[in-house]
């Protein structure tokens, strides 16, 4: 289940809420009881495997320029 970060406009605290994507834009009350909150835009770093990578040998370009 995704986690969304919210910030309370009344007290300035930030907090996370785990909920289904269908409820992503539903307002979330502050843990201190305030209702005026806003969902923050967050970026997620995704690490994965890529087929394009550094050459196995031969320096920076695979050896075509004589650098390696």
PDB file of N, CA and C in Angstrom:
ATOM      1  N   UNK A   1       0.850  -1.168   0.000  1.00  0.00           N
ATOM      2  CA  UNK A   1       0.000   0.000   0.000  1.00  0.00           C
ATOM      3  C   UNK A   1       0.903   1.241   0.000  1.00  0.00           C
ATOM      4  N   UNK A   2       0.632   2.219  -0.861  1.00  0.00           N
ATOM      5  CA  UNK A   2       1.468   3.421  -0.922  1.00  0.00           C
ATOM      6  C   UNK A   2       1.366   4.278   0.332  1.00  0.00           C
ATOM      7  N   UNK A   3       2.420   5.009   0.596  1.00  0.00           N
ATOM      8  CA  UNK A   3       2.471   5.946   1.717  1.00  0.00           C
ATOM      9  C   UNK A   3       2.522   7.357   1.158  1.00  0.00           C
ATOM     10  N   UNK A   4       1.690   8.226   1.680  1.00  0.00           N
ATOM     11  CA  UNK A   4       1.616   9.615   1.233  1.00  0.00           C
ATOM     12  C   UNK A   4       2.017  10.524   2.384  1.00  0.00           C
ATOM     13  N   UNK A   5       2.752  11.584   2.055  1.00  0.00           N
ATOM     14  CA  UNK A   5       3.189  12.536   3.069  1.00  0.00           C
ATOM     15  C   UNK A   5       2.268  13.747   3.058  1.00  0.00           C
ATOM     16  N   UNK A   6       1.860  14.153   4.231  1.00  0.00           N
ATOM     17  CA  UNK A   6       0.999  15.321   4.412  1.00  0.00           C
ATOM     18  C   UNK A   6       1.681  16.314   5.336  1.00  0.00           C
ATOM     19  N   UNK A   7       1.303  17.570   5.220  1.00  0.00           N
ATOM     20  CA  UNK A   7       1.787  18.608   6.139  1.00  0.00           C
ATOM     21  C   UNK A   7       0.573  19.369   6.668  1.00  0.00           C
ATOM     22  N   UNK A   8       0.611  19.623   7.966  1.00  0.00           N
ATOM     23  CA  UNK A   8      -0.451  20.376   8.628  1.00  0.00           C
ATOM     24  C   UNK A   8      -0.161  21.865   8.464  1.00  0.00           C
ATOM     25  N   UNK A   9      -1.124  22.602   7.977  1.00  0.00           N
ATOM     26  CA  UNK A   9      -0.953  24.047   7.814  1.00  0.00           C
ATOM     27  C   UNK A   9      -1.077  24.785   9.143  1.00  0.00           C
ATOM     28  N   UNK A  10      -1.750  24.183  10.105  1.00  0.00           N
ATOM     29  CA  UNK A  10      -1.948  24.834  11.409  1.00  0.00           C
ATOM     30  C   UNK A  10      -0.692  24.761  12.279  1.00  0.00           C
ATOM     31  N   UNK A  11      -0.067  23.564  12.373  1.00  0.00           N
ATOM     32  CA  UNK A  11       1.083  23.419  13.270  1.00  0.00           C
ATOM     33  C   UNK A  11       2.394  23.173  12.535  1.00  0.00           C
ATOM     34  N   UNK A  12       2.344  22.902  11.231  1.00  0.00           N
ATOM     35  CA  UNK A  12       3.556  22.720  10.441  1.00  0.00           C
ATOM     36  C   UNK A  12       4.163  21.335  10.488  1.00  0.00           C
ATOM     37  N   UNK A  13       3.561  20.412  11.215  1.00  0.00           N
ATOM     38  CA  UNK A  13       4.143  19.068  11.286  1.00  0.00           C
ATOM     39  C   UNK A  13       3.849  18.290  10.008  1.00  0.00           C
ATOM     40  N   UNK A  14       4.761  17.377   9.687  1.00  0.00           N
ATOM     41  CA  UNK A  14       4.592  16.479   8.538  1.00  0.00           C
ATOM     42  C   UNK A  14       4.321  15.086   9.071  1.00  0.00           C
ATOM     43  N   UNK A  15       3.504  14.342   8.345  1.00  0.00           N
ATOM     44  CA  UNK A  15       3.171  12.984   8.767  1.00  0.00           C
ATOM     45  C   UNK A  15       2.849  12.143   7.548  1.00  0.00           C
ATOM     46  N   UNK A  16       3.001  10.828   7.678  1.00  0.00           N
ATOM     47  CA  UNK A  16       2.753   9.886   6.598  1.00  0.00           C
ATOM     48  C   UNK A  16       1.444   9.143   6.837  1.00  0.00           C
ATOM     49  N   UNK A  17       0.770   8.834   5.726  1.00  0.00           N
ATOM     50  CA  UNK A  17      -0.469   8.064   5.782  1.00  0.00           C
ATOM     51  C   UNK A  17      -0.375   6.961   4.731  1.00  0.00           C
ATOM     52  N   UNK A  18      -0.576   5.716   5.145  1.00  0.00           N
ATOM     53  CA  UNK A  18      -0.632   4.595   4.210  1.00  0.00           C
ATOM     54  C   UNK A  18      -2.083   4.341   3.862  1.00  0.00           C
ATOM     55  N   UNK A  19      -2.356   4.332   2.559  1.00  0.00           N
ATOM     56  CA  UNK A  19      -3.733   4.123   2.097  1.00  0.00           C
ATOM     57  C   UNK A  19      -3.724   3.678   0.650  1.00  0.00           C
ATOM     58  N   UNK A  20      -4.826   3.103   0.186  1.00  0.00           N
ATOM     59  CA  UNK A  20      -4.900   2.675  -1.211  1.00  0.00           C
ATOM     60  C   UNK A  20      -4.778   3.870  -2.163  1.00  0.00           C
ATOM     61  N   UNK A  21      -4.304   3.626  -3.368  1.00  0.00           N
ATOM     62  CA  UNK A  21      -4.156   4.688  -4.357  1.00  0.00           C
ATOM     63  C   UNK A  21      -5.484   5.370  -4.659  1.00  0.00           C
ATOM     64  N   UNK A  22      -6.575   4.642  -4.575  1.00  0.00           N
ATOM     65  CA  UNK A  22      -7.895   5.222  -4.838  1.00  0.00           C
ATOM     66  C   UNK A  22      -8.228   6.337  -3.848  1.00  0.00           C
ATOM     67  N   UNK A  23      -7.610   6.308  -2.670  1.00  0.00           N
ATOM     68  CA  UNK A  23      -7.861   7.319  -1.631  1.00  0.00           C
ATOM     69  C   UNK A  23      -6.714   8.320  -1.511  1.00  0.00           C
ATOM     70  N   UNK A  24      -5.844   8.390  -2.520  1.00  0.00           N
ATOM     71  CA  UNK A  24      -4.649   9.235  -2.443  1.00  0.00           C
ATOM     72  C   UNK A  24      -4.974  10.699  -2.170  1.00  0.00           C
ATOM     73  N   UNK A  25      -6.045  11.226  -2.738  1.00  0.00           N
ATOM     74  CA  UNK A  25      -6.361  12.650  -2.593  1.00  0.00           C
ATOM     75  C   UNK A  25      -7.370  12.951  -1.488  1.00  0.00           C
ATOM     76  N   UNK A  26      -7.735  11.947  -0.719  1.00  0.00           N
ATOM     77  CA  UNK A  26      -8.645  12.155   0.402  1.00  0.00           C
ATOM     78  C   UNK A  26      -7.910  12.923   1.499  1.00  0.00           C
ATOM     79  N   UNK A  27      -8.499  13.983   2.040  1.00  0.00           N
ATOM     80  CA  UNK A  27      -7.826  14.735   3.111  1.00  0.00           C
ATOM     81  C   UNK A  27      -7.499  13.834   4.308  1.00  0.00           C
ATOM     82  N   UNK A  28      -6.396  14.134   4.971  1.00  0.00           N
ATOM     83  CA  UNK A  28      -5.978  13.378   6.150  1.00  0.00           C
ATOM     84  C   UNK A  28      -5.818  14.344   7.312  1.00  0.00           C
ATOM     85  N   UNK A  29      -6.473  14.094   8.433  1.00  0.00           N
ATOM     86  CA  UNK A  29      -6.313  14.985   9.593  1.00  0.00           C
ATOM     87  C   UNK A  29      -4.936  14.840  10.220  1.00  0.00           C
ATOM     88  N   UNK A  30      -4.440  15.921  10.748  1.00  0.00           N
ATOM     89  CA  UNK A  30      -3.162  15.956  11.454  1.00  0.00           C
ATOM     90  C   UNK A  30      -3.255  15.088  12.715  1.00  0.00           C
ATOM     91  N   UNK A  31      -2.171  14.415  13.105  1.00  0.00           N
ATOM     92  CA  UNK A  31      -2.185  13.639  14.344  1.00  0.00           C
ATOM     93  C   UNK A  31      -2.506  14.489  15.571  1.00  0.00           C
ATOM     94  N   UNK A  32      -2.284  15.807  15.483  1.00  0.00           N
ATOM     95  CA  UNK A  32      -2.601  16.719  16.590  1.00  0.00           C
ATOM     96  C   UNK A  32      -4.064  17.139  16.575  1.00  0.00           C
ATOM     97  N   UNK A  33      -4.823  16.684  15.559  1.00  0.00           N
ATOM     98  CA  UNK A  33      -6.252  16.972  15.500  1.00  0.00           C
ATOM     99  C   UNK A  33      -6.655  18.097  14.567  1.00  0.00           C
ATOM    100  N   UNK A  34      -5.700  18.740  13.909  1.00  0.00           N
ATOM    101  CA  UNK A  34      -6.024  19.813  12.974  1.00  0.00           C
ATOM    102  C   UNK A  34      -6.540  19.238  11.658  1.00  0.00           C
ATOM    103  N   UNK A  35      -7.454  19.938  11.027  1.00  0.00           N
ATOM    104  CA  UNK A  35      -8.048  19.455   9.779  1.00  0.00           C
ATOM    105  C   UNK A  35      -7.422  20.064   8.531  1.00  0.00           C
ATOM    106  N   UNK A  36      -6.714  21.200   8.653  1.00  0.00           N
ATOM    107  CA  UNK A  36      -6.179  21.909   7.494  1.00  0.00           C
ATOM    108  C   UNK A  36      -4.818  21.328   7.098  1.00  0.00           C
ATOM    109  N   UNK A  37      -4.853  20.286   6.263  1.00  0.00           N
ATOM    110  CA  UNK A  37      -3.623  19.628   5.835  1.00  0.00           C
ATOM    111  C   UNK A  37      -3.545  19.626   4.313  1.00  0.00           C
ATOM    112  N   UNK A  38      -2.353  19.417   3.824  1.00  0.00           N
ATOM    113  CA  UNK A  38      -2.122  19.353   2.387  1.00  0.00           C
ATOM    114  C   UNK A  38      -1.208  18.172   2.089  1.00  0.00           C
ATOM    115  N   UNK A  39      -1.518  17.453   1.002  1.00  0.00           N
ATOM    116  CA  UNK A  39      -0.672  16.334   0.583  1.00  0.00           C
ATOM    117  C   UNK A  39       0.537  16.900  -0.138  1.00  0.00           C
ATOM    118  N   UNK A  40       1.730  16.431   0.235  1.00  0.00           N
ATOM    119  CA  UNK A  40       2.965  16.915  -0.369  1.00  0.00           C
ATOM    120  C   UNK A  40       3.306  16.092  -1.603  1.00  0.00           C
ATOM    121  N   UNK A  41       3.923  16.738  -2.554  1.00  0.00           N
ATOM    122  CA  UNK A  41       4.408  16.055  -3.737  1.00  0.00           C
ATOM    123  C   UNK A  41       5.759  15.459  -3.397  1.00  0.00           C
ATOM    124  N   UNK A  42       5.871  14.164  -3.518  1.00  0.00           N
ATOM    125  CA  UNK A  42       7.120  13.499  -3.197  1.00  0.00           C
ATOM    126  C   UNK A  42       7.640  12.785  -4.424  1.00  0.00           C
ATOM    127  N   UNK A  43       8.930  12.634  -4.483  1.00  0.00           N
ATOM    128  CA  UNK A  43       9.543  11.883  -5.572  1.00  0.00           C
ATOM    129  C   UNK A  43      10.050  10.572  -5.005  1.00  0.00           C
ATOM    130  N   UNK A  44       9.943   9.548  -5.790  1.00  0.00           N
ATOM    131  CA  UNK A  44      10.362   8.226  -5.358  1.00  0.00           C
ATOM    132  C   UNK A  44      11.520   7.790  -6.227  1.00  0.00           C
ATOM    133  N   UNK A  45      12.606   7.405  -5.596  1.00  0.00           N
ATOM    134  CA  UNK A  45      13.734   6.861  -6.340  1.00  0.00           C
ATOM    135  C   UNK A  45      13.502   5.388  -6.577  1.00  0.00           C
ATOM    136  N   UNK A  46      13.555   4.996  -7.818  1.00  0.00           N
ATOM    137  CA  UNK A  46      13.352   3.591  -8.150  1.00  0.00           C
ATOM    138  C   UNK A  46      14.662   3.049  -8.687  1.00  0.00           C
ATOM    139  N   UNK A  47      15.173   2.061  -8.010  1.00  0.00           N
ATOM    140  CA  UNK A  47      16.405   1.424  -8.456  1.00  0.00           C
ATOM    141  C   UNK A  47      16.039   0.149  -9.179  1.00  0.00           C
ATOM    142  N   UNK A  48      16.650  -0.043 -10.278  1.00  0.00           N
ATOM    143  CA  UNK A  48      16.347  -1.249 -11.035  1.00  0.00           C
ATOM    144  C   UNK A  48      17.534  -1.645 -11.876  1.00  0.00           C
ATOM    145  N   UNK A  49      17.333  -2.659 -12.627  1.00  0.00           N
ATOM    146  CA  UNK A  49      18.388  -3.153 -13.488  1.00  0.00           C
ATOM    147  C   UNK A  49      18.145  -2.639 -14.898  1.00  0.00           C
ATOM    148  N   UNK A  50      19.187  -2.189 -15.517  1.00  0.00           N
ATOM    149  CA  UNK A  50      19.097  -1.662 -16.870  1.00  0.00           C
ATOM    150  C   UNK A  50      19.945  -2.509 -17.792  1.00  0.00           C
ATOM    151  N   UNK A  51      19.492  -2.666 -19.023  1.00  0.00           N
ATOM    152  CA  UNK A  51      20.291  -3.390 -20.005  1.00  0.00           C
ATOM    153  C   UNK A  51      21.449  -2.545 -20.497  1.00  0.00           C
ATOM    154  N   UNK A  52      21.295  -1.232 -20.487  1.00  0.00           N
ATOM    155  CA  UNK A  52      22.369  -0.337 -20.913  1.00  0.00           C
ATOM    156  C   UNK A  52      23.200   0.008 -19.692  1.00  0.00           C
ATOM    157  N   UNK A  53      24.454  -0.268 -19.757  1.00  0.00           N
ATOM    158  CA  UNK A  53      25.320   0.017 -18.623  1.00  0.00           C
ATOM    159  C   UNK A  53      26.713   0.352 -19.101  1.00  0.00           C
ATOM    160  N   UNK A  54      27.620   0.382 -18.182  1.00  0.00           N
ATOM    161  CA  UNK A  54      29.003   0.650 -18.528  1.00  0.00           C
ATOM    162  C   UNK A  54      29.549  -0.528 -19.324  1.00  0.00           C
ATOM    163  N   UNK A  55      30.415  -0.261 -20.258  1.00  0.00           N
ATOM    164  CA  UNK A  55      31.010  -1.347 -21.031  1.00  0.00           C
ATOM    165  C   UNK A  55      31.777  -2.295 -20.116  1.00  0.00           C
ATOM    166  N   UNK A  56      31.822  -3.548 -20.503  1.00  0.00           N
ATOM    167  CA  UNK A  56      32.496  -4.547 -19.693  1.00  0.00           C
ATOM    168  C   UNK A  56      34.003  -4.329 -19.665  1.00  0.00           C
ATOM    169  N   UNK A  57      34.556  -3.801 -20.749  1.00  0.00           N
ATOM    170  CA  UNK A  57      35.996  -3.529 -20.792  1.00  0.00           C
ATOM    171  C   UNK A  57      36.257  -2.455 -21.827  1.00  0.00           C
ATOM    172  N   UNK A  58      37.448  -1.905 -21.800  1.00  0.00           N
ATOM    173  CA  UNK A  58      37.818  -0.958 -22.822  1.00  0.00           C
ATOM    174  C   UNK A  58      37.593   0.490 -22.444  1.00  0.00           C
ATOM    175  N   UNK A  59      37.512   0.819 -21.172  1.00  0.00           N
ATOM    176  CA  UNK A  59      37.391   2.215 -20.758  1.00  0.00           C
ATOM    177  C   UNK A  59      36.002   2.784 -20.967  1.00  0.00           C
ATOM    178  N   UNK A  60      35.950   4.074 -21.256  1.00  0.00           N
ATOM    179  CA  UNK A  60      34.678   4.787 -21.278  1.00  0.00           C
ATOM    180  C   UNK A  60      33.809   4.470 -22.467  1.00  0.00           C
ATOM    181  N   UNK A  61      34.387   4.034 -23.571  1.00  0.00           N
ATOM    182  CA  UNK A  61      33.569   3.845 -24.784  1.00  0.00           C
ATOM    183  C   UNK A  61      33.684   2.432 -25.344  1.00  0.00           C
ATOM    184  N   UNK A  62      34.202   1.519 -24.583  1.00  0.00           N
ATOM    185  CA  UNK A  62      34.311   0.161 -25.065  1.00  0.00           C
ATOM    186  C   UNK A  62      35.583  -0.108 -25.864  1.00  0.00           C
ATOM    187  N   UNK A  63      36.492   0.849 -25.858  1.00  0.00           N
ATOM    188  CA  UNK A  63      37.778   0.639 -26.508  1.00  0.00           C
ATOM    189  C   UNK A  63      37.889   1.218 -27.902  1.00  0.00           C
ATOM    190  N   UNK A  64      36.826   1.786 -28.437  1.00  0.00           N
ATOM    191  CA  UNK A  64      36.851   2.311 -29.802  1.00  0.00           C
ATOM    192  C   UNK A  64      37.741   3.526 -29.997  1.00  0.00           C
ATOM    193  N   UNK A  65      38.002   4.278 -28.949  1.00  0.00           N
ATOM    194  CA  UNK A  65      38.801   5.493 -29.092  1.00  0.00           C
ATOM    195  C   UNK A  65      40.222   5.334 -28.601  1.00  0.00           C
ATOM    196  N   UNK A  66      40.565   4.195 -28.070  1.00  0.00           N
ATOM    197  CA  UNK A  66      41.909   3.982 -27.577  1.00  0.00           C
ATOM    198  C   UNK A  66      42.131   4.472 -26.170  1.00  0.00           C
ATOM    199  N   UNK A  67      41.049   4.817 -25.468  1.00  0.00           N
ATOM    200  CA  UNK A  67      41.192   5.357 -24.095  1.00  0.00           C
ATOM    201  C   UNK A  67      41.412   4.257 -23.073  1.00  0.00           C
ATOM    202  N   UNK A  68      41.117   3.058 -23.390  1.00  0.00           N
ATOM    203  CA  UNK A  68      41.190   2.036 -22.362  1.00  0.00           C
ATOM    204  C   UNK A  68      42.123   0.991 -22.706  1.00  0.00           C
TER     205      UNK A  68
END
